[in-house]
C-alpha atoms as a PDB file:
ATOM      1  CA  MET A   1     -22.909 -67.453  -2.523  1.00  0.00           C
ATOM      2  CA  THR A   2     -22.134 -69.473  -5.558  1.00  0.00           C
ATOM      3  CA  ASN A   3     -20.287 -68.023  -8.703  1.00  0.00           C
ATOM      4  CA  LEU A   4     -23.655 -68.595 -10.581  1.00  0.00           C
ATOM      5  CA  ALA A   5     -25.736 -66.531  -8.421  1.00  0.00           C
ATOM      6  CA  GLN A   6     -23.040 -63.626  -8.466  1.00  0.00           C
ATOM      7  CA  ASN A   7     -22.857 -63.810 -12.215  1.00  0.00           C
ATOM      8  CA  LEU A   8     -26.455 -63.190 -12.095  1.00  0.00           C
ATOM      9  CA  LEU A   9     -26.462 -60.381  -9.929  1.00  0.00           C
ATOM     10  CA  ASP A  10     -23.350 -58.527 -11.609  1.00  0.00           C
ATOM     11  CA  SER A  11     -25.441 -59.239 -15.270  1.00  0.00           C
ATOM     12  CA  ALA A  12     -28.745 -57.442 -13.707  1.00  0.00           C
ATOM     13  CA  ALA A  13     -26.732 -54.627 -12.022  1.00  0.00           C
ATOM     14  CA  LYS A  14     -25.431 -53.910 -15.714  1.00  0.00           C
ATOM     15  CA  ASP A  15     -28.937 -53.561 -17.248  1.00  0.00           C
ATOM     16  CA  GLU A  16     -30.822 -50.947 -15.287  1.00  0.00           C
ATOM     17  CA  ASN A  17     -34.061 -52.478 -16.770  1.00  0.00           C
ATOM     18  CA  HIS A  18     -33.442 -56.112 -15.854  1.00  0.00           C
ATOM     19  CA  PRO A  19     -36.560 -58.030 -14.279  1.00  0.00           C
ATOM     20  CA  ALA A  20     -34.543 -58.892 -11.512  1.00  0.00           C
ATOM     21  CA  LEU A  21     -34.407 -55.410 -10.388  1.00  0.00           C
ATOM     22  CA  ARG A  22     -37.865 -54.363 -11.211  1.00  0.00           C
ATOM     23  CA  MET A  23     -39.540 -55.294  -7.882  1.00  0.00           C
ATOM     24  CA  ASP A  24     -42.722 -53.055  -8.578  1.00  0.00           C
ATOM     25  CA  ASP A  25     -44.173 -55.807 -10.602  1.00  0.00           C
ATOM     26  CA  ALA A  26     -44.135 -58.239  -7.505  1.00  0.00           C
ATOM     27  CA  VAL A  27     -45.758 -55.630  -5.510  1.00  0.00           C
ATOM     28  CA  PRO A  28     -49.638 -56.057  -5.223  1.00  0.00           C
ATOM     29  CA  LYS A  29     -51.256 -52.940  -5.870  1.00  0.00           C
ATOM     30  CA  GLY A  30     -55.004 -51.501  -6.133  1.00  0.00           C
ATOM     31  CA  PRO A  31     -57.151 -50.055  -8.837  1.00  0.00           C
ATOM     32  CA  THR A  32     -55.606 -46.335  -8.095  1.00  0.00           C
ATOM     33  CA  GLY A  33     -51.853 -47.751  -8.436  1.00  0.00           C
ATOM     34  CA  LYS A  34     -51.229 -47.401  -4.446  1.00  0.00           C
ATOM     35  CA  ILE A  35     -49.134 -50.489  -2.869  1.00  0.00           C
ATOM     36  CA  LEU A  36     -51.656 -52.702  -0.864  1.00  0.00           C
ATOM     37  CA  ARG A  37     -50.633 -53.622   2.528  1.00  0.00           C
ATOM     38  CA  ARG A  38     -52.227 -55.903   4.651  1.00  0.00           C
ATOM     39  CA  ALA A  39     -52.576 -55.312   8.285  1.00  0.00           C
ATOM     40  CA  VAL A  40     -51.026 -58.298  10.407  1.00  0.00           C
ATOM     41  CA  GLU A  41     -53.283 -59.439  13.391  1.00  0.00           C
ATOM     42  CA  VAL A  42     -51.252 -60.389  16.444  1.00  0.00           C
ATOM     43  CA  PRO A  43     -53.016 -62.738  18.957  1.00  0.00           C
ATOM     44  CA  GLN A  44     -53.421 -60.899  22.225  1.00  0.00           C
ATOM     45  CA  GLU A  45     -51.805 -63.970  23.884  1.00  0.00           C
ATOM     46  CA  VAL A  46     -48.547 -62.942  22.334  1.00  0.00           C
ATOM     47  CA  GLY A  47     -48.624 -59.221  23.682  1.00  0.00           C
ATOM     48  CA  GLN A  48     -49.473 -60.557  27.047  1.00  0.00           C
ATOM     49  CA  ARG A  49     -46.832 -62.585  28.200  1.00  0.00           C
END
């Protein structure tokens, strides 16, 4: 990790409300505020190997 990246992480860790630490904003949510999860479909050929 570079010094710049480490410095950014250190400064974010000092500020509890730093945007880099607020991952809730990046998670898609539905109208009720629940986290939306997309089902992942696995092709049947993969499971039959």
